[in-house]
Every structure is written in C-alpha cells, then in structure tokens.
mmCIF file of all heavy atoms, coordinates in Angstrom:
data_MODEL
# 
_entry.id   MODEL 
# 
loop_
_atom_site.group_PDB 
_atom_site.id 
_atom_site.type_symbol 
_atom_site.label_atom_id 
_atom_site.label_alt_id 
_atom_site.label_comp_id 
_atom_site.label_asym_id 
_atom_site.label_entity_id 
_atom_site.label_seq_id 
_atom_site.pdbx_PDB_ins_code 
_atom_site.Cartn_x 
_atom_site.Cartn_y 
_atom_site.Cartn_z 
_atom_site.occupancy 
_atom_site.B_iso_or_equiv 
_atom_site.pdbx_formal_charge 
_atom_site.auth_seq_id 
_atom_site.auth_comp_id 
_atom_site.auth_asym_id 
_atom_site.auth_atom_id 
_atom_site.pdbx_PDB_model_num 
ATOM 1   N N   . SER A 1 1  ? 54.997 -20.273 140.701 1.00 0.00 ? 1  SER A N   1 
ATOM 2   C CA  . SER A 1 1  ? 56.329 -20.204 140.038 1.00 0.00 ? 1  SER A CA  1 
ATOM 3   C C   . SER A 1 1  ? 57.251 -21.198 140.704 1.00 0.00 ? 1  SER A C   1 
ATOM 4   O O   . SER A 1 1  ? 57.064 -21.655 141.852 1.00 0.00 ? 1  SER A O   1 
ATOM 5   C CB  . SER A 1 1  ? 56.971 -18.800 140.183 1.00 0.00 ? 1  SER A CB  1 
ATOM 6   O OG  . SER A 1 1  ? 57.176 -18.514 141.549 1.00 0.00 ? 1  SER A OG  1 
ATOM 7   N N   . ARG A 1 2  ? 58.328 -21.571 139.967 1.00 0.00 ? 2  ARG A N   1 
ATOM 8   C CA  . ARG A 1 2  ? 59.357 -22.469 140.578 1.00 0.00 ? 2  ARG A CA  1 
ATOM 9   C C   . ARG A 1 2  ? 60.027 -21.760 141.777 1.00 0.00 ? 2  ARG A C   1 
ATOM 10  O O   . ARG A 1 2  ? 60.271 -22.444 142.827 1.00 0.00 ? 2  ARG A O   1 
ATOM 11  C CB  . ARG A 1 2  ? 60.442 -22.778 139.571 1.00 0.00 ? 2  ARG A CB  1 
ATOM 12  C CG  . ARG A 1 2  ? 61.524 -23.649 140.135 1.00 0.00 ? 2  ARG A CG  1 
ATOM 13  C CD  . ARG A 1 2  ? 62.461 -24.207 139.004 1.00 0.00 ? 2  ARG A CD  1 
ATOM 14  N NE  . ARG A 1 2  ? 63.537 -24.939 139.635 1.00 0.00 ? 2  ARG A NE  1 
ATOM 15  C CZ  . ARG A 1 2  ? 64.328 -25.759 138.923 1.00 0.00 ? 2  ARG A CZ  1 
ATOM 16  N NH1 . ARG A 1 2  ? 64.115 -25.967 137.687 1.00 0.00 ? 2  ARG A NH1 1 
ATOM 17  N NH2 . ARG A 1 2  ? 65.300 -26.428 139.567 1.00 0.00 ? 2  ARG A NH2 1 
ATOM 18  N N   . GLN A 1 3  ? 60.214 -20.517 141.721 1.00 0.00 ? 3  GLN A N   1 
ATOM 19  C CA  . GLN A 1 3  ? 60.712 -19.720 142.820 1.00 0.00 ? 3  GLN A CA  1 
ATOM 20  C C   . GLN A 1 3  ? 59.927 -19.898 144.057 1.00 0.00 ? 3  GLN A C   1 
ATOM 21  O O   . GLN A 1 3  ? 60.452 -20.080 145.227 1.00 0.00 ? 3  GLN A O   1 
ATOM 22  C CB  . GLN A 1 3  ? 60.912 -18.291 142.513 1.00 0.00 ? 3  GLN A CB  1 
ATOM 23  C CG  . GLN A 1 3  ? 61.931 -17.982 141.367 1.00 0.00 ? 3  GLN A CG  1 
ATOM 24  C CD  . GLN A 1 3  ? 61.249 -17.908 140.024 1.00 0.00 ? 3  GLN A CD  1 
ATOM 25  O OE1 . GLN A 1 3  ? 60.344 -18.752 139.720 1.00 0.00 ? 3  GLN A OE1 1 
ATOM 26  N NE2 . GLN A 1 3  ? 61.633 -16.949 139.212 1.00 0.00 ? 3  GLN A NE2 1 
ATOM 27  N N   . SER A 1 4  ? 58.563 -19.836 143.939 1.00 0.00 ? 4  SER A N   1 
ATOM 28  C CA  . SER A 1 4  ? 57.708 -20.028 145.110 1.00 0.00 ? 4  SER A CA  1 
ATOM 29  C C   . SER A 1 4  ? 57.865 -21.445 145.618 1.00 0.00 ? 4  SER A C   1 
ATOM 30  O O   . SER A 1 4  ? 57.836 -21.636 146.884 1.00 0.00 ? 4  SER A O   1 
ATOM 31  C CB  . SER A 1 4  ? 56.284 -19.747 144.620 1.00 0.00 ? 4  SER A CB  1 
ATOM 32  O OG  . SER A 1 4  ? 55.362 -20.005 145.752 1.00 0.00 ? 4  SER A OG  1 
ATOM 33  N N   . MET A 1 5  ? 57.919 -22.419 144.795 1.00 0.00 ? 5  MET A N   1 
ATOM 34  C CA  . MET A 1 5  ? 58.092 -23.839 145.141 1.00 0.00 ? 5  MET A CA  1 
ATOM 35  C C   . MET A 1 5  ? 59.319 -24.000 146.056 1.00 0.00 ? 5  MET A C   1 
ATOM 36  O O   . MET A 1 5  ? 59.450 -24.879 146.905 1.00 0.00 ? 5  MET A O   1 
ATOM 37  C CB  . MET A 1 5  ? 58.070 -24.806 143.934 1.00 0.00 ? 5  MET A CB  1 
ATOM 38  C CG  . MET A 1 5  ? 56.764 -24.777 143.153 1.00 0.00 ? 5  MET A CG  1 
ATOM 39  S SD  . MET A 1 5  ? 55.376 -25.453 143.965 1.00 0.00 ? 5  MET A SD  1 
ATOM 40  C CE  . MET A 1 5  ? 55.810 -27.073 144.124 1.00 0.00 ? 5  MET A CE  1 
ATOM 41  N N   . GLU A 1 6  ? 60.345 -23.180 145.702 1.00 0.00 ? 6  GLU A N   1 
ATOM 42  C CA  . GLU A 1 6  ? 61.657 -23.273 146.411 1.00 0.00 ? 6  GLU A CA  1 
ATOM 43  C C   . GLU A 1 6  ? 61.827 -22.344 147.476 1.00 0.00 ? 6  GLU A C   1 
ATOM 44  O O   . GLU A 1 6  ? 62.943 -22.200 147.988 1.00 0.00 ? 6  GLU A O   1 
ATOM 45  C CB  . GLU A 1 6  ? 62.734 -23.190 145.275 1.00 0.00 ? 6  GLU A CB  1 
ATOM 46  C CG  . GLU A 1 6  ? 62.668 -24.363 144.309 1.00 0.00 ? 6  GLU A CG  1 
ATOM 47  C CD  . GLU A 1 6  ? 63.801 -24.464 143.338 1.00 0.00 ? 6  GLU A CD  1 
ATOM 48  O OE1 . GLU A 1 6  ? 64.361 -23.329 143.031 1.00 0.00 ? 6  GLU A OE1 1 
ATOM 49  O OE2 . GLU A 1 6  ? 64.050 -25.490 142.819 1.00 0.00 ? 6  GLU A OE2 1 
ATOM 50  N N   . GLY A 1 7  ? 60.800 -21.602 147.850 1.00 0.00 ? 7  GLY A N   1 
ATOM 51  C CA  . GLY A 1 7  ? 60.857 -20.716 149.015 1.00 0.00 ? 7  GLY A CA  1 
ATOM 52  C C   . GLY A 1 7  ? 61.605 -19.470 148.730 1.00 0.00 ? 7  GLY A C   1 
ATOM 53  O O   . GLY A 1 7  ? 62.191 -18.910 149.701 1.00 0.00 ? 7  GLY A O   1 
ATOM 54  N N   . GLN A 1 8  ? 61.668 -18.959 147.542 1.00 0.00 ? 8  GLN A N   1 
ATOM 55  C CA  . GLN A 1 8  ? 62.447 -17.808 147.157 1.00 0.00 ? 8  GLN A CA  1 
ATOM 56  C C   . GLN A 1 8  ? 61.594 -16.643 146.810 1.00 0.00 ? 8  GLN A C   1 
ATOM 57  O O   . GLN A 1 8  ? 62.025 -15.697 146.038 1.00 0.00 ? 8  GLN A O   1 
ATOM 58  C CB  . GLN A 1 8  ? 63.379 -18.147 145.984 1.00 0.00 ? 8  GLN A CB  1 
ATOM 59  C CG  . GLN A 1 8  ? 64.316 -19.305 146.253 1.00 0.00 ? 8  GLN A CG  1 
ATOM 60  C CD  . GLN A 1 8  ? 65.080 -19.752 144.969 1.00 0.00 ? 8  GLN A CD  1 
ATOM 61  O OE1 . GLN A 1 8  ? 64.799 -19.290 143.944 1.00 0.00 ? 8  GLN A OE1 1 
ATOM 62  N NE2 . GLN A 1 8  ? 66.036 -20.617 145.183 1.00 0.00 ? 8  GLN A NE2 1 
ATOM 63  N N   . THR A 1 9  ? 60.445 -16.451 147.351 1.00 0.00 ? 9  THR A N   1 
ATOM 64  C CA  . THR A 1 9  ? 59.536 -15.426 146.996 1.00 0.00 ? 9  THR A CA  1 
ATOM 65  C C   . THR A 1 9  ? 59.134 -14.597 148.202 1.00 0.00 ? 9  THR A C   1 
ATOM 66  O O   . THR A 1 9  ? 59.172 -15.107 149.349 1.00 0.00 ? 9  THR A O   1 
ATOM 67  C CB  . THR A 1 9  ? 58.242 -15.918 146.321 1.00 0.00 ? 9  THR A CB  1 
ATOM 68  O OG1 . THR A 1 9  ? 57.715 -17.042 147.053 1.00 0.00 ? 9  THR A OG1 1 
ATOM 69  C CG2 . THR A 1 9  ? 58.597 -16.475 144.899 1.00 0.00 ? 9  THR A CG2 1 
ATOM 70  N N   . ASN A 1 10 ? 58.689 -13.341 147.971 1.00 0.00 ? 10 ASN A N   1 
ATOM 71  C CA  . ASN A 1 10 ? 58.236 -12.505 149.086 1.00 0.00 ? 10 ASN A CA  1 
ATOM 72  C C   . ASN A 1 10 ? 56.989 -11.715 148.597 1.00 0.00 ? 10 ASN A C   1 
ATOM 73  O O   . ASN A 1 10 ? 56.463 -11.943 147.510 1.00 0.00 ? 10 ASN A O   1 
ATOM 74  C CB  . ASN A 1 10 ? 59.385 -11.645 149.590 1.00 0.00 ? 10 ASN A CB  1 
ATOM 75  C CG  . ASN A 1 10 ? 59.835 -10.624 148.553 1.00 0.00 ? 10 ASN A CG  1 
ATOM 76  O OD1 . ASN A 1 10 ? 59.115 -10.214 147.670 1.00 0.00 ? 10 ASN A OD1 1 
ATOM 77  N ND2 . ASN A 1 10 ? 61.153 -10.260 148.639 1.00 0.00 ? 10 ASN A ND2 1 
ATOM 78  N N   . VAL A 1 11 ? 56.619 -10.694 149.432 1.00 0.00 ? 11 VAL A N   1 
ATOM 79  C CA  . VAL A 1 11 ? 55.416 -9.951  149.165 1.00 0.00 ? 11 VAL A CA  1 
ATOM 80  C C   . VAL A 1 11 ? 55.421 -9.264  147.826 1.00 0.00 ? 11 VAL A C   1 
ATOM 81  O O   . VAL A 1 11 ? 54.329 -8.948  147.229 1.00 0.00 ? 11 VAL A O   1 
ATOM 82  C CB  . VAL A 1 11 ? 55.060 -9.079  150.298 1.00 0.00 ? 11 VAL A CB  1 
ATOM 83  C CG1 . VAL A 1 11 ? 56.067 -7.837  150.311 1.00 0.00 ? 11 VAL A CG1 1 
ATOM 84  C CG2 . VAL A 1 11 ? 53.617 -8.569  150.262 1.00 0.00 ? 11 VAL A CG2 1 
ATOM 85  N N   . ASP A 1 12 ? 56.514 -8.914  147.266 1.00 0.00 ? 12 ASP A N   1 
ATOM 86  C CA  . ASP A 1 12 ? 56.668 -8.192  145.972 1.00 0.00 ? 12 ASP A CA  1 
ATOM 87  C C   . ASP A 1 12 ? 57.079 -9.066  144.813 1.00 0.00 ? 12 ASP A C   1 
ATOM 88  O O   . ASP A 1 12 ? 57.366 -8.506  143.805 1.00 0.00 ? 12 ASP A O   1 
ATOM 89  C CB  . ASP A 1 12 ? 57.587 -6.973  146.161 1.00 0.00 ? 12 ASP A CB  1 
ATOM 90  C CG  . ASP A 1 12 ? 57.031 -5.915  147.049 1.00 0.00 ? 12 ASP A CG  1 
ATOM 91  O OD1 . ASP A 1 12 ? 55.858 -5.557  146.871 1.00 0.00 ? 12 ASP A OD1 1 
ATOM 92  O OD2 . ASP A 1 12 ? 57.754 -5.414  147.895 1.00 0.00 ? 12 ASP A OD2 1 
ATOM 93  N N   . SER A 1 13 ? 57.069 -10.353 145.003 1.00 0.00 ? 13 SER A N   1 
ATOM 94  C CA  . SER A 1 13 ? 57.513 -11.206 143.847 1.00 0.00 ? 13 SER A CA  1 
ATOM 95  C C   . SER A 1 13 ? 56.349 -11.386 142.810 1.00 0.00 ? 13 SER A C   1 
ATOM 96  O O   . SER A 1 13 ? 55.236 -11.834 143.154 1.00 0.00 ? 13 SER A O   1 
ATOM 97  C CB  . SER A 1 13 ? 57.849 -12.621 144.428 1.00 0.00 ? 13 SER A CB  1 
ATOM 98  O OG  . SER A 1 13 ? 58.999 -12.548 145.225 1.00 0.00 ? 13 SER A OG  1 
ATOM 99  N N   . ILE A 1 14 ? 56.639 -10.877 141.626 1.00 0.00 ? 14 ILE A N   1 
ATOM 100 C CA  . ILE A 1 14 ? 55.614 -10.890 140.607 1.00 0.00 ? 14 ILE A CA  1 
ATOM 101 C C   . ILE A 1 14 ? 56.258 -11.339 139.219 1.00 0.00 ? 14 ILE A C   1 
ATOM 102 O O   . ILE A 1 14 ? 57.510 -11.276 139.115 1.00 0.00 ? 14 ILE A O   1 
ATOM 103 C CB  . ILE A 1 14 ? 54.976 -9.461  140.378 1.00 0.00 ? 14 ILE A CB  1 
ATOM 104 C CG1 . ILE A 1 14 ? 56.070 -8.434  139.964 1.00 0.00 ? 14 ILE A CG1 1 
ATOM 105 C CG2 . ILE A 1 14 ? 54.234 -9.051  141.583 1.00 0.00 ? 14 ILE A CG2 1 
ATOM 106 C CD1 . ILE A 1 14 ? 55.547 -7.048  139.666 1.00 0.00 ? 14 ILE A CD1 1 
ATOM 107 N N   . GLY A 1 15 ? 55.478 -11.713 138.310 1.00 0.00 ? 15 GLY A N   1 
ATOM 108 C CA  . GLY A 1 15 ? 55.941 -11.968 136.929 1.00 0.00 ? 15 GLY A CA  1 
ATOM 109 C C   . GLY A 1 15 ? 57.005 -12.980 136.754 1.00 0.00 ? 15 GLY A C   1 
ATOM 110 O O   . GLY A 1 15 ? 57.877 -12.913 135.957 1.00 0.00 ? 15 GLY A O   1 
ATOM 111 N N   . GLN A 1 16 ? 56.849 -14.085 137.482 1.00 0.00 ? 16 GLN A N   1 
ATOM 112 C CA  . GLN A 1 16 ? 57.912 -15.122 137.509 1.00 0.00 ? 16 GLN A CA  1 
ATOM 113 C C   . GLN A 1 16 ? 57.553 -16.296 136.525 1.00 0.00 ? 16 GLN A C   1 
ATOM 114 O O   . GLN A 1 16 ? 58.405 -17.166 136.289 1.00 0.00 ? 16 GLN A O   1 
ATOM 115 C CB  . GLN A 1 16 ? 58.070 -15.699 138.918 1.00 0.00 ? 16 GLN A CB  1 
ATOM 116 C CG  . GLN A 1 16 ? 58.614 -14.633 139.828 1.00 0.00 ? 16 GLN A CG  1 
ATOM 117 C CD  . GLN A 1 16 ? 58.790 -15.140 141.275 1.00 0.00 ? 16 GLN A CD  1 
ATOM 118 O OE1 . GLN A 1 16 ? 58.179 -16.111 141.727 1.00 0.00 ? 16 GLN A OE1 1 
ATOM 119 N NE2 . GLN A 1 16 ? 59.644 -14.468 142.019 1.00 0.00 ? 16 GLN A NE2 1 
ATOM 120 N N   . TRP A 1 17 ? 56.400 -16.282 135.956 1.00 0.00 ? 17 TRP A N   1 
ATOM 121 C CA  . TRP A 1 17 ? 55.985 -17.233 134.949 1.00 0.00 ? 17 TRP A CA  1 
ATOM 122 C C   . TRP A 1 17 ? 54.831 -16.632 134.184 1.00 0.00 ? 17 TRP A C   1 
ATOM 123 O O   . TRP A 1 17 ? 54.385 -15.500 134.432 1.00 0.00 ? 17 TRP A O   1 
ATOM 124 C CB  . TRP A 1 17 ? 55.629 -18.599 135.496 1.00 0.00 ? 17 TRP A CB  1 
ATOM 125 C CG  . TRP A 1 17 ? 54.403 -18.690 136.309 1.00 0.00 ? 17 TRP A CG  1 
ATOM 126 C CD1 . TRP A 1 17 ? 54.204 -18.160 137.555 1.00 0.00 ? 17 TRP A CD1 1 
ATOM 127 C CD2 . TRP A 1 17 ? 53.216 -19.310 135.910 1.00 0.00 ? 17 TRP A CD2 1 
ATOM 128 N NE1 . TRP A 1 17 ? 52.942 -18.410 137.948 1.00 0.00 ? 17 TRP A NE1 1 
ATOM 129 C CE2 . TRP A 1 17 ? 52.295 -19.088 137.031 1.00 0.00 ? 17 TRP A CE2 1 
ATOM 130 C CE3 . TRP A 1 17 ? 52.729 -19.977 134.833 1.00 0.00 ? 17 TRP A CE3 1 
ATOM 131 C CZ2 . TRP A 1 17 ? 50.959 -19.553 136.981 1.00 0.00 ? 17 TRP A CZ2 1 
ATOM 132 C CZ3 . TRP A 1 17 ? 51.413 -20.481 134.777 1.00 0.00 ? 17 TRP A CZ3 1 
ATOM 133 C CH2 . TRP A 1 17 ? 50.555 -20.319 135.857 1.00 0.00 ? 17 TRP A CH2 1 
ATOM 134 N N   . GLY A 1 18 ? 54.235 -17.315 133.177 1.00 0.00 ? 18 GLY A N   1 
ATOM 135 C CA  . GLY A 1 18 ? 53.242 -16.668 132.267 1.00 0.00 ? 18 GLY A CA  1 
ATOM 136 C C   . GLY A 1 18 ? 51.892 -16.518 132.881 1.00 0.00 ? 18 GLY A C   1 
ATOM 137 O O   . GLY A 1 18 ? 51.465 -15.454 133.367 1.00 0.00 ? 18 GLY A O   1 
ATOM 138 N N   . GLY A 1 19 ? 51.090 -17.600 133.045 1.00 0.00 ? 19 GLY A N   1 
ATOM 139 C CA  . GLY A 1 19 ? 49.743 -17.600 133.507 1.00 0.00 ? 19 GLY A CA  1 
ATOM 140 C C   . GLY A 1 19 ? 48.862 -18.527 132.836 1.00 0.00 ? 19 GLY A C   1 
ATOM 141 O O   . GLY A 1 19 ? 49.316 -19.449 132.154 1.00 0.00 ? 19 GLY A O   1 
ATOM 142 N N   . VAL A 1 20 ? 47.519 -18.380 132.998 1.00 0.00 ? 20 VAL A N   1 
ATOM 143 C CA  . VAL A 1 20 ? 46.553 -19.221 132.477 1.00 0.00 ? 20 VAL A CA  1 
ATOM 144 C C   . VAL A 1 20 ? 45.641 -18.525 131.460 1.00 0.00 ? 20 VAL A C   1 
ATOM 145 O O   . VAL A 1 20 ? 45.155 -17.526 131.817 1.00 0.00 ? 20 VAL A O   1 
ATOM 146 C CB  . VAL A 1 20 ? 45.665 -19.926 133.600 1.00 0.00 ? 20 VAL A CB  1 
ATOM 147 C CG1 . VAL A 1 20 ? 44.567 -20.900 133.018 1.00 0.00 ? 20 VAL A CG1 1 
ATOM 148 C CG2 . VAL A 1 20 ? 46.562 -20.702 134.584 1.00 0.00 ? 20 VAL A CG2 1 
ATOM 149 N N   . VAL A 1 21 ? 45.507 -19.056 130.253 1.00 0.00 ? 21 VAL A N   1 
ATOM 150 C CA  . VAL A 1 21 ? 44.665 -18.458 129.182 1.00 0.00 ? 21 VAL A CA  1 
ATOM 151 C C   . VAL A 1 21 ? 43.589 -19.446 128.794 1.00 0.00 ? 21 VAL A C   1 
ATOM 152 O O   . VAL A 1 21 ? 43.915 -20.557 128.423 1.00 0.00 ? 21 VAL A O   1 
ATOM 153 C CB  . VAL A 1 21 ? 45.517 -18.057 127.981 1.00 0.00 ? 21 VAL A CB  1 
ATOM 154 C CG1 . VAL A 1 21 ? 44.639 -17.446 126.948 1.00 0.00 ? 21 VAL A CG1 1 
ATOM 155 C CG2 . VAL A 1 21 ? 46.654 -17.140 128.429 1.00 0.00 ? 21 VAL A CG2 1 
ATOM 156 N N   . ILE A 1 22 ? 42.310 -19.045 128.885 1.00 0.00 ? 22 ILE A N   1 
ATOM 157 C CA  . ILE A 1 22 ? 41.198 -19.886 128.468 1.00 0.00 ? 22 ILE A CA  1 
ATOM 158 C C   . ILE A 1 22 ? 40.476 -19.280 127.368 1.00 0.00 ? 22 ILE A C   1 
ATOM 159 O O   . ILE A 1 22 ? 40.060 -18.093 127.512 1.00 0.00 ? 22 ILE A O   1 
ATOM 160 C CB  . ILE A 1 22 ? 40.303 -20.247 129.695 1.00 0.00 ? 22 ILE A CB  1 
ATOM 161 C CG1 . ILE A 1 22 ? 41.076 -20.866 130.861 1.00 0.00 ? 22 ILE A CG1 1 
ATOM 162 C CG2 . ILE A 1 22 ? 39.148 -21.120 129.242 1.00 0.00 ? 22 ILE A CG2 1 
ATOM 163 C CD1 . ILE A 1 22 ? 40.174 -21.170 132.081 1.00 0.00 ? 22 ILE A CD1 1 
ATOM 164 N N   . LEU A 1 23 ? 40.318 -19.959 126.242 1.00 0.00 ? 23 LEU A N   1 
ATOM 165 C CA  . LEU A 1 23 ? 39.747 -19.456 125.024 1.00 0.00 ? 23 LEU A CA  1 
ATOM 166 C C   . LEU A 1 23 ? 38.448 -20.143 124.767 1.00 0.00 ? 23 LEU A C   1 
ATOM 167 O O   . LEU A 1 23 ? 38.422 -21.402 124.740 1.00 0.00 ? 23 LEU A O   1 
ATOM 168 C CB  . LEU A 1 23 ? 40.730 -19.546 123.875 1.00 0.00 ? 23 LEU A CB  1 
ATOM 169 C CG  . LEU A 1 23 ? 42.100 -19.029 124.134 1.00 0.00 ? 23 LEU A CG  1 
ATOM 170 C CD1 . LEU A 1 23 ? 43.105 -19.417 122.965 1.00 0.00 ? 23 LEU A CD1 1 
ATOM 171 C CD2 . LEU A 1 23 ? 42.031 -17.521 124.312 1.00 0.00 ? 23 LEU A CD2 1 
ATOM 172 N N   . GLY A 1 24 ? 37.396 -19.370 124.424 1.00 0.00 ? 24 GLY A N   1 
ATOM 173 C CA  . GLY A 1 24 ? 36.087 -20.010 124.123 1.00 0.00 ? 24 GLY A CA  1 
ATOM 174 C C   . GLY A 1 24 ? 35.491 -19.403 122.909 1.00 0.00 ? 24 GLY A C   1 
ATOM 175 O O   . GLY A 1 24 ? 36.059 -18.623 122.156 1.00 0.00 ? 24 GLY A O   1 
ATOM 176 N N   . ARG A 1 25 ? 34.221 -19.855 122.585 1.00 0.00 ? 25 ARG A N   1 
ATOM 177 C CA  . ARG A 1 25 ? 33.507 -19.583 121.368 1.00 0.00 ? 25 ARG A CA  1 
ATOM 178 C C   . ARG A 1 25 ? 32.298 -18.696 121.617 1.00 0.00 ? 25 ARG A C   1 
ATOM 179 O O   . ARG A 1 25 ? 31.338 -18.613 120.786 1.00 0.00 ? 25 ARG A O   1 
ATOM 180 C CB  . ARG A 1 25 ? 33.107 -20.841 120.712 1.00 0.00 ? 25 ARG A CB  1 
ATOM 181 C CG  . ARG A 1 25 ? 34.242 -21.745 120.295 1.00 0.00 ? 25 ARG A CG  1 
ATOM 182 C CD  . ARG A 1 25 ? 33.849 -23.071 119.803 1.00 0.00 ? 25 ARG A CD  1 
ATOM 183 N NE  . ARG A 1 25 ? 33.230 -23.836 120.928 1.00 0.00 ? 25 ARG A NE  1 
ATOM 184 C CZ  . ARG A 1 25 ? 33.133 -25.201 120.863 1.00 0.00 ? 25 ARG A CZ  1 
ATOM 185 N NH1 . ARG A 1 25 ? 33.510 -25.919 119.895 1.00 0.00 ? 25 ARG A NH1 1 
ATOM 186 N NH2 . ARG A 1 25 ? 32.582 -25.854 121.904 1.00 0.00 ? 25 ARG A NH2 1 
ATOM 187 N N   . ALA A 1 26 ? 32.281 -18.016 122.743 1.00 0.00 ? 26 ALA A N   1 
ATOM 188 C CA  . ALA A 1 26 ? 31.167 -17.060 123.008 1.00 0.00 ? 26 ALA A CA  1 
ATOM 189 C C   . ALA A 1 26 ? 31.365 -15.763 122.257 1.00 0.00 ? 26 ALA A C   1 
ATOM 190 O O   . ALA A 1 26 ? 32.502 -15.439 121.811 1.00 0.00 ? 26 ALA A O   1 
ATOM 191 C CB  . ALA A 1 26 ? 31.014 -16.804 124.502 1.00 0.00 ? 26 ALA A CB  1 
ATOM 192 N N   . PRO A 1 27 ? 30.320 -14.980 122.079 1.00 0.00 ? 27 PRO A N   1 
ATOM 193 C CA  . PRO A 1 27 ? 30.441 -13.772 121.248 1.00 0.00 ? 27 PRO A CA  1 
ATOM 194 C C   . PRO A 1 27 ? 31.391 -12.682 121.906 1.00 0.00 ? 27 PRO A C   1 
ATOM 195 O O   . PRO A 1 27 ? 31.483 -12.613 123.055 1.00 0.00 ? 27 PRO A O   1 
ATOM 196 C CB  . PRO A 1 27 ? 28.958 -13.225 121.184 1.00 0.00 ? 27 PRO A CB  1 
ATOM 197 C CG  . PRO A 1 27 ? 28.158 -14.378 121.476 1.00 0.00 ? 27 PRO A CG  1 
ATOM 198 C CD  . PRO A 1 27 ? 28.899 -15.284 122.408 1.00 0.00 ? 27 PRO A CD  1 
ATOM 199 N N   . ILE A 1 28 ? 31.978 -12.016 120.957 1.00 0.00 ? 28 ILE A N   1 
ATOM 200 C CA  . ILE A 1 28 ? 32.865 -10.893 121.298 1.00 0.00 ? 28 ILE A CA  1 
ATOM 201 C C   . ILE A 1 28 ? 32.546 -9.630  120.433 1.00 0.00 ? 28 ILE A C   1 
ATOM 202 O O   . ILE A 1 28 ? 31.757 -9.759  119.455 1.00 0.00 ? 28 ILE A O   1 
ATOM 203 C CB  . ILE A 1 28 ? 34.309 -11.274 121.182 1.00 0.00 ? 28 ILE A CB  1 
ATOM 204 C CG1 . ILE A 1 28 ? 34.639 -11.462 119.659 1.00 0.00 ? 28 ILE A CG1 1 
ATOM 205 C CG2 . ILE A 1 28 ? 34.676 -12.547 122.007 1.00 0.00 ? 28 ILE A CG2 1 
ATOM 206 C CD1 . ILE A 1 28 ? 36.164 -11.744 119.413 1.00 0.00 ? 28 ILE A CD1 1 
ATOM 207 N N   . SER A 1 29 ? 33.095 -8.485  120.725 1.00 0.00 ? 29 SER A N   1 
ATOM 208 C CA  . SER A 1 29 ? 32.823 -7.366  119.885 1.00 0.00 ? 29 SER A CA  1 
ATOM 209 C C   . SER A 1 29 ? 34.035 -6.991  119.009 1.00 0.00 ? 29 SER A C   1 
ATOM 210 O O   . SER A 1 29 ? 33.903 -6.064  118.134 1.00 0.00 ? 29 SER A O   1 
ATOM 211 C CB  . SER A 1 29 ? 32.493 -6.125  120.775 1.00 0.00 ? 29 SER A CB  1 
ATOM 212 O OG  . SER A 1 29 ? 33.518 -5.833  121.634 1.00 0.00 ? 29 SER A OG  1 
ATOM 213 N N   . ALA A 1 30 ? 35.115 -7.629  119.162 1.00 0.00 ? 30 ALA A N   1 
ATOM 214 C CA  . ALA A 1 30 ? 36.315 -7.302  118.397 1.00 0.00 ? 30 ALA A CA  1 
ATOM 215 C C   . ALA A 1 30 ? 36.329 -8.045  117.035 1.00 0.00 ? 30 ALA A C   1 
ATOM 216 O O   . ALA A 1 30 ? 37.200 -8.830  116.705 1.00 0.00 ? 30 ALA A O   1 
ATOM 217 C CB  . ALA A 1 30 ? 37.661 -7.656  119.157 1.00 0.00 ? 30 ALA A CB  1 
# 
C-alpha cells in the first residue's frame, strides 16, 4: 500500500488497497 511506502502502517494495518487476481482456463466446478 501507499501507506506502507510512506511508513504509516503497523501490525494491524489491513485492507489499504485491493490485491492481485490471476485468472486462468483450467477446469472449475462452478
């Protein structure tokens, strides 16, 4: 997160940006 880059985070800092999503073509059950 930007907050981490700027030294504004601690042990309970969560949910400050989205994340990484990887999508593929392997079989699923849904």
